[in-house]
Amino acid sequence: MTNKTDWIVHYVSNNVYCDECGKREDSFLPCLCNAHTHGMKKYNHLDFQIVLDLGAQEVCRILNELGRRVRAGHRFTAGEMIPGVYEDCDVRLDIAEETGREVYRVIIPDRNYLFPEDSLCCGIYPQQLVS
């Protein structure tokens, strides 16, 4: 088995210019983005998405970590709590729609380990549930 990454990550955020049309993206709320994978289908698995703009390096680290787990044979399910992405907390996968396709959205808890559906969840974190 190869360690080569055989999927891609698209990271779309504000102030980024499209390579094809040259237009600048500016439609996201501050601190949000649309980062997602393409290529999990070859593993009979849904692709992944993150909507918190944690910066390209961190977003790609998370999406690639999940991709490597799929390549190694793990099959994720909706609602699954995923350990090991962060040292101090689990993340969760929810079903979401990304440009007309079903994906697993990575839901990250806030600094108090609260998920977006908790009324005390703070900052931008509740926005993860907005499509």
Foldseek 3Di string as FASTA:
>chain_A
DDPDDPKDKDKADAQDADPPPRDTDDPDDPQFTWIKIPDCVVLVAFIETETGCPDPVLVCLLRVVVVVVSVVPDHDDAQDWAPDSDPPGTWGWHWDDDPHDTHTYTQAADPVRDALVPPPGDDCRVVSPPD
